[in-house]
Amino acid sequence: PELLACAVVAWAACSGAPAIPAPAGSRAQYAALEARTVRIVTACAD
């Protein structure tokens, strides 16, 4: 997450768009949020 945030900030700076600061919070906090986020797989006829 911290690398992704840095990439977003770098892109914004180069493009002239307002820079988005890195998300606040510790690495442990964001690891917990990622762990709560799940992928839902669906199996359908199509």
All heavy atoms as atom14 arrays in JSON, in Angstrom:
{
  "sequence": "PELLACAVVAWAACSGAPAIPAPAGSRAQYAALEARTVRIVTACAD",
  "atom14_mask": [
    [1, 1, 1, 1, 1, 1, 1, 0, 0, 0, 0, 0, 0, 0],
    [1, 1, 1, 1, 1, 1, 1, 1, 1, 0, 0, 0, 0, 0],
    [1, 1, 1, 1, 1, 1, 1, 1, 0, 0, 0, 0, 0, 0],
    [1, 1, 1, 1, 1, 1, 1, 1, 0, 0, 0, 0, 0, 0],
    [1, 1, 1, 1, 1, 0, 0, 0, 0, 0, 0, 0, 0, 0],
    [1, 1, 1, 1, 1, 1, 0, 0, 0, 0, 0, 0, 0, 0],
    [1, 1, 1, 1, 1, 0, 0, 0, 0, 0, 0, 0, 0, 0],
    [1, 1, 1, 1, 1, 1, 1, 0, 0, 0, 0, 0, 0, 0],
    [1, 1, 1, 1, 1, 1, 1, 0, 0, 0, 0, 0, 0, 0],
    [1, 1, 1, 1, 1, 0, 0, 0, 0, 0, 0, 0, 0, 0],
    [1, 1, 1, 1, 1, 1, 1, 1, 1, 1, 1, 1, 1, 1],
    [1, 1, 1, 1, 1, 0, 0, 0, 0, 0, 0, 0, 0, 0],
    [1, 1, 1, 1, 1, 0, 0, 0, 0, 0, 0, 0, 0, 0],
    [1, 1, 1, 1, 1, 1, 0, 0, 0, 0, 0, 0, 0, 0],
    [1, 1, 1, 1, 1, 1, 0, 0, 0, 0, 0, 0, 0, 0],
    [1, 1, 1, 1, 0, 0, 0, 0, 0, 0, 0, 0, 0, 0],
    [1, 1, 1, 1, 1, 0, 0, 0, 0, 0, 0, 0, 0, 0],
    [1, 1, 1, 1, 1, 1, 1, 0, 0, 0, 0, 0, 0, 0],
    [1, 1, 1, 1, 1, 0, 0, 0, 0, 0, 0, 0, 0, 0],
    [1, 1, 1, 1, 1, 1, 1, 1, 0, 0, 0, 0, 0, 0],
    [1, 1, 1, 1, 1, 1, 1, 0, 0, 0, 0, 0, 0, 0],
    [1, 1, 1, 1, 1, 0, 0, 0, 0, 0, 0, 0, 0, 0],
    [1, 1, 1, 1, 1, 1, 1, 0, 0, 0, 0, 0, 0, 0],
    [1, 1, 1, 1, 1, 0, 0, 0, 0, 0, 0, 0, 0, 0],
    [1, 1, 1, 1, 0, 0, 0, 0, 0, 0, 0, 0, 0, 0],
    [1, 1, 1, 1, 1, 1, 0, 0, 0, 0, 0, 0, 0, 0],
    [1, 1, 1, 1, 1, 1, 1, 1, 1, 1, 1, 0, 0, 0],
    [1, 1, 1, 1, 1, 0, 0, 0, 0, 0, 0, 0, 0, 0],
    [1, 1, 1, 1, 1, 1, 1, 1, 1, 0, 0, 0, 0, 0],
    [1, 1, 1, 1, 1, 1, 1, 1, 1, 1, 1, 1, 0, 0],
    [1, 1, 1, 1, 1, 0, 0, 0, 0, 0, 0, 0, 0, 0],
    [1, 1, 1, 1, 1, 0, 0, 0, 0, 0, 0, 0, 0, 0],
    [1, 1, 1, 1, 1, 1, 1, 1, 0, 0, 0, 0, 0, 0],
    [1, 1, 1, 1, 1, 1, 1, 1, 1, 0, 0, 0, 0, 0],
    [1, 1, 1, 1, 1, 0, 0, 0, 0, 0, 0, 0, 0, 0],
    [1, 1, 1, 1, 1, 1, 1, 1, 1, 1, 1, 0, 0, 0],
    [1, 1, 1, 1, 1, 1, 1, 0, 0, 0, 0, 0, 0, 0],
    [1, 1, 1, 1, 1, 1, 1, 0, 0, 0, 0, 0, 0, 0],
    [1, 1, 1, 1, 1, 1, 1, 1, 1, 1, 1, 0, 0, 0],
    [1, 1, 1, 1, 1, 1, 1, 1, 0, 0, 0, 0, 0, 0],
    [1, 1, 1, 1, 1, 1, 1, 0, 0, 0, 0, 0, 0, 0],
    [1, 1, 1, 1, 1, 1, 1, 0, 0, 0, 0, 0, 0, 0],
    [1, 1, 1, 1, 1, 0, 0, 0, 0, 0, 0, 0, 0, 0],
    [1, 1, 1, 1, 1, 1, 0, 0, 0, 0, 0, 0, 0, 0],
    [1, 1, 1, 1, 1, 0, 0, 0, 0, 0, 0, 0, 0, 0],
    [1, 1, 1, 1, 1, 1, 1, 1, 0, 0, 0, 0, 0, 0]
  ],
  "atom14_positions": [
    [[0.8, -1.23, 0.0], [0.0, 0.0, 0.0], [0.82, 1.26, 0.0], [0.5, 2.22, -0.69], [-0.85, -0.14, 1.27], [-0.93, -1.61, 1.52], [0.38, -2.17, 1.04], [0.0, 0.0, 0.0], [0.0, 0.0, 0.0], [0.0, 0.0, 0.0], [0.0, 0.0, 0.0], [0.0, 0.0, 0.0], [0.0, 0.0, 0.0], [0.0, 0.0, 0.0]],
    [[1.92, 1.26, 0.79], [2.7, 2.49, 0.87], [3.4, 2.8, -0.44], [3.58, 3.95, -0.83], [3.72, 2.42, 2.02], [4.74, 1.27, 1.89], [4.26, 0.01, 2.58], [3.05, -0.18, 2.69], [5.12, -0.78, 3.01], [0.0, 0.0, 0.0], [0.0, 0.0, 0.0], [0.0, 0.0, 0.0], [0.0, 0.0, 0.0], [0.0, 0.0, 0.0]],
    [[3.8, 1.74, -1.19], [4.43, 1.96, -2.48], [3.43, 2.44, -3.5], [3.72, 3.28, -4.34], [5.1, 0.66, -2.96], [6.28, 0.17, -2.1], [6.87, -1.09, -2.71], [7.35, 1.25, -1.98], [0.0, 0.0, 0.0], [0.0, 0.0, 0.0], [0.0, 0.0, 0.0], [0.0, 0.0, 0.0], [0.0, 0.0, 0.0], [0.0, 0.0, 0.0]],
    [[2.21, 1.85, -3.45], [1.15, 2.29, -4.37], [0.82, 3.75, -4.14], [0.67, 4.53, -5.09], [-0.09, 1.43, -4.18], [-1.31, 1.83, -5.0], [-0.99, 1.71, -6.49], [-2.51, 0.97, -4.64], [0.0, 0.0, 0.0], [0.0, 0.0, 0.0], [0.0, 0.0, 0.0], [0.0, 0.0, 0.0], [0.0, 0.0, 0.0], [0.0, 0.0, 0.0]],
    [[0.72, 4.14, -2.88], [0.4, 5.53, -2.57], [1.48, 6.46, -3.1], [1.2, 7.53, -3.65], [0.23, 5.7, -1.06], [0.0, 0.0, 0.0], [0.0, 0.0, 0.0], [0.0, 0.0, 0.0], [0.0, 0.0, 0.0], [0.0, 0.0, 0.0], [0.0, 0.0, 0.0], [0.0, 0.0, 0.0], [0.0, 0.0, 0.0], [0.0, 0.0, 0.0]],
    [[2.76, 6.04, -2.95], [3.85, 6.87, -3.45], [3.79, 7.01, -4.96], [4.07, 8.06, -5.52], [5.2, 6.26, -3.04], [5.54, 6.38, -1.27], [0.0, 0.0, 0.0], [0.0, 0.0, 0.0], [0.0, 0.0, 0.0], [0.0, 0.0, 0.0], [0.0, 0.0, 0.0], [0.0, 0.0, 0.0], [0.0, 0.0, 0.0], [0.0, 0.0, 0.0]],
    [[3.42, 5.91, -5.64], [3.3, 5.96, -7.1], [2.21, 6.93, -7.52], [2.37, 7.67, -8.49], [3.01, 4.56, -7.64], [0.0, 0.0, 0.0], [0.0, 0.0, 0.0], [0.0, 0.0, 0.0], [0.0, 0.0, 0.0], [0.0, 0.0, 0.0], [0.0, 0.0, 0.0], [0.0, 0.0, 0.0], [0.0, 0.0, 0.0], [0.0, 0.0, 0.0]],
    [[1.08, 6.93, -6.79], [0.0, 7.85, -7.1], [0.44, 9.28, -6.92], [0.17, 10.15, -7.74], [-1.23, 7.55, -6.22], [-2.3, 8.61, -6.42], [-1.79, 6.18, -6.55], [0.0, 0.0, 0.0], [0.0, 0.0, 0.0], [0.0, 0.0, 0.0], [0.0, 0.0, 0.0], [0.0, 0.0, 0.0], [0.0, 0.0, 0.0], [0.0, 0.0, 0.0]],
    [[1.17, 9.55, -5.84], [1.65, 10.91, -5.57], [2.61, 11.34, -6.66], [2.56, 12.48, -7.16], [2.32, 10.98, -4.19], [2.98, 12.33, -4.0], [1.28, 10.75, -3.1], [0.0, 0.0, 0.0], [0.0, 0.0, 0.0], [0.0, 0.0, 0.0], [0.0, 0.0, 0.0], [0.0, 0.0, 0.0], [0.0, 0.0, 0.0], [0.0, 0.0, 0.0]],
    [[3.51, 10.43, -7.08], [4.47, 10.77, -8.11], [3.78, 11.07, -9.43], [4.13, 12.02, -10.13], [5.47, 9.61, -8.29], [0.0, 0.0, 0.0], [0.0, 0.0, 0.0], [0.0, 0.0, 0.0], [0.0, 0.0, 0.0], [0.0, 0.0, 0.0], [0.0, 0.0, 0.0], [0.0, 0.0, 0.0], [0.0, 0.0, 0.0], [0.0, 0.0, 0.0]],
    [[2.78, 10.27, -9.8], [2.03, 10.52, -11.03], [1.36, 11.88, -10.98], [1.38, 12.64, -11.95], [0.99, 9.44, -11.24], [0.05, 9.77, -12.36], [0.22, 9.53, -13.69], [-1.21, 10.45, -12.25], [-0.84, 10.02, -14.4], [-1.73, 10.58, -13.56], [-1.94, 10.96, -11.16], [-2.95, 11.18, -13.8], [-3.14, 11.56, -11.42], [-3.64, 11.67, -12.72]],
    [[0.74, 12.2, -9.85], [0.03, 13.47, -9.73], [0.99, 14.64, -9.89], [0.68, 15.65, -10.53], [-0.69, 13.54, -8.39], [0.0, 0.0, 0.0], [0.0, 0.0, 0.0], [0.0, 0.0, 0.0], [0.0, 0.0, 0.0], [0.0, 0.0, 0.0], [0.0, 0.0, 0.0], [0.0, 0.0, 0.0], [0.0, 0.0, 0.0], [0.0, 0.0, 0.0]],
    [[2.17, 14.5, -9.3], [3.13, 15.59, -9.38], [3.57, 15.82, -10.82], [3.73, 16.94, -11.28], [4.34, 15.27, -8.49], [0.0, 0.0, 0.0], [0.0, 0.0, 0.0], [0.0, 0.0, 0.0], [0.0, 0.0, 0.0], [0.0, 0.0, 0.0], [0.0, 0.0, 0.0], [0.0, 0.0, 0.0], [0.0, 0.0, 0.0], [0.0, 0.0, 0.0]],
    [[3.78, 14.71, -11.58], [4.22, 14.83, -12.96], [3.12, 15.33, -13.87], [3.38, 15.99, -14.86], [4.73, 13.47, -13.45], [6.24, 12.92, -12.6], [0.0, 0.0, 0.0], [0.0, 0.0, 0.0], [0.0, 0.0, 0.0], [0.0, 0.0, 0.0], [0.0, 0.0, 0.0], [0.0, 0.0, 0.0], [0.0, 0.0, 0.0], [0.0, 0.0, 0.0]],
    [[1.87, 14.99, -13.57], [0.77, 15.34, -14.45], [0.2, 16.71, -14.17], [-0.62, 17.21, -14.94], [-0.36, 14.31, -14.3], [-0.91, 14.39, -13.0], [0.0, 0.0, 0.0], [0.0, 0.0, 0.0], [0.0, 0.0, 0.0], [0.0, 0.0, 0.0], [0.0, 0.0, 0.0], [0.0, 0.0, 0.0], [0.0, 0.0, 0.0], [0.0, 0.0, 0.0]],
    [[0.6, 17.32, -13.06], [0.06, 18.62, -12.71], [-1.21, 18.53, -11.9], [-1.78, 19.54, -11.52], [0.0, 0.0, 0.0], [0.0, 0.0, 0.0], [0.0, 0.0, 0.0], [0.0, 0.0, 0.0], [0.0, 0.0, 0.0], [0.0, 0.0, 0.0], [0.0, 0.0, 0.0], [0.0, 0.0, 0.0], [0.0, 0.0, 0.0], [0.0, 0.0, 0.0]],
    [[-1.7, 17.29, -11.62], [-2.9, 17.11, -10.81], [-2.55, 17.31, -9.34], [-1.39, 17.16, -8.94], [-3.47, 15.7, -11.03], [0.0, 0.0, 0.0], [0.0, 0.0, 0.0], [0.0, 0.0, 0.0], [0.0, 0.0, 0.0], [0.0, 0.0, 0.0], [0.0, 0.0, 0.0], [0.0, 0.0, 0.0], [0.0, 0.0, 0.0], [0.0, 0.0, 0.0]],
    [[-3.53, 17.68, -8.5], [-3.26, 17.83, -7.07], [-2.75, 16.52, -6.49], [-3.28, 15.45, -6.77], [-4.64, 18.18, -6.5], [-5.42, 18.69, -7.66], [-4.92, 17.96, -8.85], [0.0, 0.0, 0.0], [0.0, 0.0, 0.0], [0.0, 0.0, 0.0], [0.0, 0.0, 0.0], [0.0, 0.0, 0.0], [0.0, 0.0, 0.0], [0.0, 0.0, 0.0]],
    [[-1.69, 16.58, -5.73], [-1.09, 15.37, -5.16], [-2.0, 14.79, -4.08], [-2.56, 15.51, -3.27], [0.28, 15.71, -4.57], [0.0, 0.0, 0.0], [0.0, 0.0, 0.0], [0.0, 0.0, 0.0], [0.0, 0.0, 0.0], [0.0, 0.0, 0.0], [0.0, 0.0, 0.0], [0.0, 0.0, 0.0], [0.0, 0.0, 0.0], [0.0, 0.0, 0.0]],
    [[-2.15, 13.47, -4.11], [-2.91, 12.77, -3.08], [-1.93, 12.24, -2.05], [-1.03, 11.46, -2.39], [-3.71, 11.6, -3.68], [-4.71, 12.13, -4.71], [-4.43, 10.81, -2.6], [-5.46, 11.05, -5.43], [0.0, 0.0, 0.0], [0.0, 0.0, 0.0], [0.0, 0.0, 0.0], [0.0, 0.0, 0.0], [0.0, 0.0, 0.0], [0.0, 0.0, 0.0]],
    [[-2.02, 12.64, -0.81], [-1.08, 12.16, 0.2], [-1.24, 10.69, 0.45], [-2.3, 10.11, 0.21], [-1.44, 13.0, 1.45], [-2.88, 13.36, 1.23], [-3.03, 13.54, -0.25], [0.0, 0.0, 0.0], [0.0, 0.0, 0.0], [0.0, 0.0, 0.0], [0.0, 0.0, 0.0], [0.0, 0.0, 0.0], [0.0, 0.0, 0.0], [0.0, 0.0, 0.0]],
    [[-0.18, 10.06, 0.94], [-0.26, 8.65, 1.3], [-1.3, 8.46, 2.39], [-1.47, 9.32, 3.26], [1.1, 8.16, 1.79], [0.0, 0.0, 0.0], [0.0, 0.0, 0.0], [0.0, 0.0, 0.0], [0.0, 0.0, 0.0], [0.0, 0.0, 0.0], [0.0, 0.0, 0.0], [0.0, 0.0, 0.0], [0.0, 0.0, 0.0], [0.0, 0.0, 0.0]],
    [[-2.04, 7.33, 2.36], [-3.04, 7.09, 3.4], [-2.41, 7.09, 4.78], [-1.3, 6.62, 4.97], [-3.59, 5.7, 3.04], [-3.26, 5.51, 1.61], [-1.98, 6.25, 1.39], [0.0, 0.0, 0.0], [0.0, 0.0, 0.0], [0.0, 0.0, 0.0], [0.0, 0.0, 0.0], [0.0, 0.0, 0.0], [0.0, 0.0, 0.0], [0.0, 0.0, 0.0]],
    [[-3.15, 7.65, 5.75], [-2.65, 7.64, 7.12], [-2.84, 6.25, 7.7], [-3.59, 5.43, 7.2], [-3.42, 8.67, 7.96], [0.0, 0.0, 0.0], [0.0, 0.0, 0.0], [0.0, 0.0, 0.0], [0.0, 0.0, 0.0], [0.0, 0.0, 0.0], [0.0, 0.0, 0.0], [0.0, 0.0, 0.0], [0.0, 0.0, 0.0], [0.0, 0.0, 0.0]],
    [[-2.14, 5.97, 8.81], [-2.31, 4.68, 9.46], [-1.04, 3.85, 9.39], [-0.2, 4.03, 8.52], [0.0, 0.0, 0.0], [0.0, 0.0, 0.0], [0.0, 0.0, 0.0], [0.0, 0.0, 0.0], [0.0, 0.0, 0.0], [0.0, 0.0, 0.0], [0.0, 0.0, 0.0], [0.0, 0.0, 0.0], [0.0, 0.0, 0.0], [0.0, 0.0, 0.0]],
    [[-0.91, 2.92, 10.31], [0.27, 2.09, 10.38], [0.17, 0.95, 9.37], [-0.88, 0.65, 8.83], [0.41, 1.51, 11.78], [-0.67, 0.62, 12.04], [0.0, 0.0, 0.0], [0.0, 0.0, 0.0], [0.0, 0.0, 0.0], [0.0, 0.0, 0.0], [0.0, 0.0, 0.0], [0.0, 0.0, 0.0], [0.0, 0.0, 0.0], [0.0, 0.0, 0.0]],
    [[1.32, 0.3, 9.13], [1.33, -0.86, 8.24], [0.43, -1.95, 8.8], [-0.28, -2.62, 8.04], [2.75, -1.37, 8.07], [2.85, -2.61, 7.2], [4.27, -3.07, 7.0], [5.08, -2.06, 6.33], [6.36, -2.25, 6.01], [6.96, -3.38, 6.3], [7.04, -1.29, 5.4], [0.0, 0.0, 0.0], [0.0, 0.0, 0.0], [0.0, 0.0, 0.0]],
    [[0.44, -2.13, 10.12], [-0.4, -3.16, 10.74], [-1.88, -2.86, 10.51], [-2.68, -3.77, 10.26], [-0.1, -3.25, 12.23], [0.0, 0.0, 0.0], [0.0, 0.0, 0.0], [0.0, 0.0, 0.0], [0.0, 0.0, 0.0], [0.0, 0.0, 0.0], [0.0, 0.0, 0.0], [0.0, 0.0, 0.0], [0.0, 0.0, 0.0], [0.0, 0.0, 0.0]],
    [[-2.26, -1.57, 10.59], [-3.66, -1.2, 10.38], [-4.09, -1.54, 8.97], [-5.15, -2.13, 8.75], [-3.86, 0.29, 10.64], [-5.31, 0.73, 10.42], [-5.46, 2.25, 10.48], [-4.55, 2.98, 10.12], [-6.61, 2.71, 10.94], [0.0, 0.0, 0.0], [0.0, 0.0, 0.0], [0.0, 0.0, 0.0], [0.0, 0.0, 0.0], [0.0, 0.0, 0.0]],
    [[-3.26, -1.2, 8.0], [-3.64, -1.47, 6.62], [-3.59, -2.95, 6.3], [-4.37, -3.43, 5.47], [-2.78, -0.65, 5.65], [-3.37, 0.72, 5.49], [-2.98, 1.76, 6.32], [-4.37, 0.96, 4.57], [-3.56, 3.01, 6.22], [-4.97, 2.2, 4.46], [-4.56, 3.22, 5.28], [-5.15, 4.44, 5.19], [0.0, 0.0, 0.0], [0.0, 0.0, 0.0]],
    [[-2.72, -3.69, 6.94], [-2.73, -5.14, 6.76], [-4.04, -5.73, 7.25], [-4.6, -6.65, 6.65], [-1.55, -5.77, 7.5], [0.0, 0.0, 0.0], [0.0, 0.0, 0.0], [0.0, 0.0, 0.0], [0.0, 0.0, 0.0], [0.0, 0.0, 0.0], [0.0, 0.0, 0.0], [0.0, 0.0, 0.0], [0.0, 0.0, 0.0], [0.0, 0.0, 0.0]],
    [[-4.55, -5.18, 8.36], [-5.83, -5.65, 8.9], [-6.99, -5.32, 7.96], [-7.89, -6.13, 7.77], [-6.08, -5.04, 10.28], [0.0, 0.0, 0.0], [0.0, 0.0, 0.0], [0.0, 0.0, 0.0], [0.0, 0.0, 0.0], [0.0, 0.0, 0.0], [0.0, 0.0, 0.0], [0.0, 0.0, 0.0], [0.0, 0.0, 0.0], [0.0, 0.0, 0.0]],
    [[-6.95, -4.13, 7.35], [-8.01, -3.75, 6.41], [-7.96, -4.61, 5.15], [-8.99, -5.02, 4.62], [-7.86, -2.27, 6.04], [-7.95, -1.27, 7.19], [-7.87, 0.16, 6.66], [-9.21, -1.47, 8.01], [0.0, 0.0, 0.0], [0.0, 0.0, 0.0], [0.0, 0.0, 0.0], [0.0, 0.0, 0.0], [0.0, 0.0, 0.0], [0.0, 0.0, 0.0]],
    [[-6.76, -4.91, 4.68], [-6.61, -5.78, 3.53], [-7.14, -7.18, 3.84], [-7.78, -7.81, 2.99], [-5.15, -5.85, 3.1], [-4.63, -4.56, 2.48], [-3.14, -4.63, 2.2], [-2.53, -5.68, 2.5], [-2.59, -3.65, 1.67], [0.0, 0.0, 0.0], [0.0, 0.0, 0.0], [0.0, 0.0, 0.0], [0.0, 0.0, 0.0], [0.0, 0.0, 0.0]],
    [[-6.86, -7.66, 5.05], [-7.3, -9.0, 5.43], [-8.83, -9.08, 5.47], [-9.41, -10.14, 5.21], [-6.71, -9.39, 6.78], [0.0, 0.0, 0.0], [0.0, 0.0, 0.0], [0.0, 0.0, 0.0], [0.0, 0.0, 0.0], [0.0, 0.0, 0.0], [0.0, 0.0, 0.0], [0.0, 0.0, 0.0], [0.0, 0.0, 0.0], [0.0, 0.0, 0.0]],
    [[-9.48, -7.98, 5.81], [-10.95, -7.94, 5.86], [-11.56, -7.87, 4.46], [-12.75, -8.14, 4.3], [-11.42, -6.72, 6.64], [-11.43, -6.9, 8.15], [-12.12, -5.72, 8.8], [-12.23, -5.87, 10.23], [-13.23, -6.45, 10.86], [-14.22, -6.98, 10.15], [-13.26, -6.53, 12.17], [0.0, 0.0, 0.0], [0.0, 0.0, 0.0], [0.0, 0.0, 0.0]],
    [[-10.78, -7.49, 3.48], [-11.29, -7.36, 2.11], [-11.15, -8.7, 1.41], [-10.06, -9.27, 1.36], [-10.52, -6.28, 1.35], [-10.58, -5.04, 2.09], [-11.09, -6.06, -0.03], [0.0, 0.0, 0.0], [0.0, 0.0, 0.0], [0.0, 0.0, 0.0], [0.0, 0.0, 0.0], [0.0, 0.0, 0.0], [0.0, 0.0, 0.0], [0.0, 0.0, 0.0]],
    [[-12.26, -9.21, 0.86], [-12.26, -10.55, 0.29], [-12.64, -10.52, -1.18], [-13.3, -9.59, -1.65], [-13.23, -11.48, 1.05], [-12.79, -11.64, 2.5], [-14.66, -10.95, 0.99], [0.0, 0.0, 0.0], [0.0, 0.0, 0.0], [0.0, 0.0, 0.0], [0.0, 0.0, 0.0], [0.0, 0.0, 0.0], [0.0, 0.0, 0.0], [0.0, 0.0, 0.0]],
    [[-12.22, -11.55, -1.89], [-12.62, -11.74, -3.28], [-13.78, -12.73, -3.3], [-13.7, -13.81, -2.71], [-11.46, -12.26, -4.12], [-11.79, -12.41, -5.6], [-10.51, -12.52, -6.42], [-9.77, -13.72, -6.09], [-9.76, -14.82, -6.85], [-10.46, -14.88, -7.97], [-9.04, -15.87, -6.5], [0.0, 0.0, 0.0], [0.0, 0.0, 0.0], [0.0, 0.0, 0.0]],
    [[-14.85, -12.37, -3.98], [-16.04, -13.22, -4.1], [-16.04, -13.82, -5.5], [-16.09, -13.1, -6.5], [-17.32, -12.41, -3.86], [-17.28, -11.79, -2.45], [-18.56, -13.28, -4.04], [-18.36, -10.75, -2.22], [0.0, 0.0, 0.0], [0.0, 0.0, 0.0], [0.0, 0.0, 0.0], [0.0, 0.0, 0.0], [0.0, 0.0, 0.0], [0.0, 0.0, 0.0]],
    [[-15.95, -15.14, -5.57], [-15.9, -15.84, -6.86], [-17.28, -16.38, -7.18], [-17.92, -17.01, -6.32], [-14.87, -16.98, -6.82], [-14.84, -17.72, -8.16], [-13.49, -16.44, -6.48], [0.0, 0.0, 0.0], [0.0, 0.0, 0.0], [0.0, 0.0, 0.0], [0.0, 0.0, 0.0], [0.0, 0.0, 0.0], [0.0, 0.0, 0.0], [0.0, 0.0, 0.0]],
    [[-17.75, -16.14, -8.39], [-19.06, -16.63, -8.81], [-18.91, -17.64, -9.94], [-18.05, -17.49, -10.82], [-19.96, -15.47, -9.28], [-19.35, -14.81, -10.4], [-20.17, -14.47, -8.16], [0.0, 0.0, 0.0], [0.0, 0.0, 0.0], [0.0, 0.0, 0.0], [0.0, 0.0, 0.0], [0.0, 0.0, 0.0], [0.0, 0.0, 0.0], [0.0, 0.0, 0.0]],
    [[-19.73, -18.67, -9.89], [-19.78, -19.67, -10.95], [-21.18, -19.66, -11.53], [-22.14, -20.06, -10.85], [-19.42, -21.05, -10.41], [0.0, 0.0, 0.0], [0.0, 0.0, 0.0], [0.0, 0.0, 0.0], [0.0, 0.0, 0.0], [0.0, 0.0, 0.0], [0.0, 0.0, 0.0], [0.0, 0.0, 0.0], [0.0, 0.0, 0.0], [0.0, 0.0, 0.0]],
    [[-21.31, -19.19, -12.77], [-22.62, -19.03, -13.4], [-22.67, -19.82, -14.71], [-21.65, -20.28, -15.21], [-22.89, -17.55, -13.68], [-22.66, -16.47, -12.25], [0.0, 0.0, 0.0], [0.0, 0.0, 0.0], [0.0, 0.0, 0.0], [0.0, 0.0, 0.0], [0.0, 0.0, 0.0], [0.0, 0.0, 0.0], [0.0, 0.0, 0.0], [0.0, 0.0, 0.0]],
    [[-23.86, -19.94, -15.26], [-24.03, -20.69, -16.5], [-23.26, -20.05, -17.65], [-22.79, -20.75, -18.56], [-25.52, -20.78, -16.84], [0.0, 0.0, 0.0], [0.0, 0.0, 0.0], [0.0, 0.0, 0.0], [0.0, 0.0, 0.0], [0.0, 0.0, 0.0], [0.0, 0.0, 0.0], [0.0, 0.0, 0.0], [0.0, 0.0, 0.0], [0.0, 0.0, 0.0]],
    [[-23.13, -18.73, -17.63], [-22.44, -18.05, -18.71], [-20.96, -17.85, -18.43], [-20.27, -17.12, -19.15], [-23.1, -16.7, -19.01], [-23.13, -15.79, -17.78], [-22.79, -16.26, -16.68], [-23.52, -14.62, -17.94], [0.0, 0.0, 0.0], [0.0, 0.0, 0.0], [0.0, 0.0, 0.0], [0.0, 0.0, 0.0], [0.0, 0.0, 0.0], [0.0, 0.0, 0.0]]
  ]
}
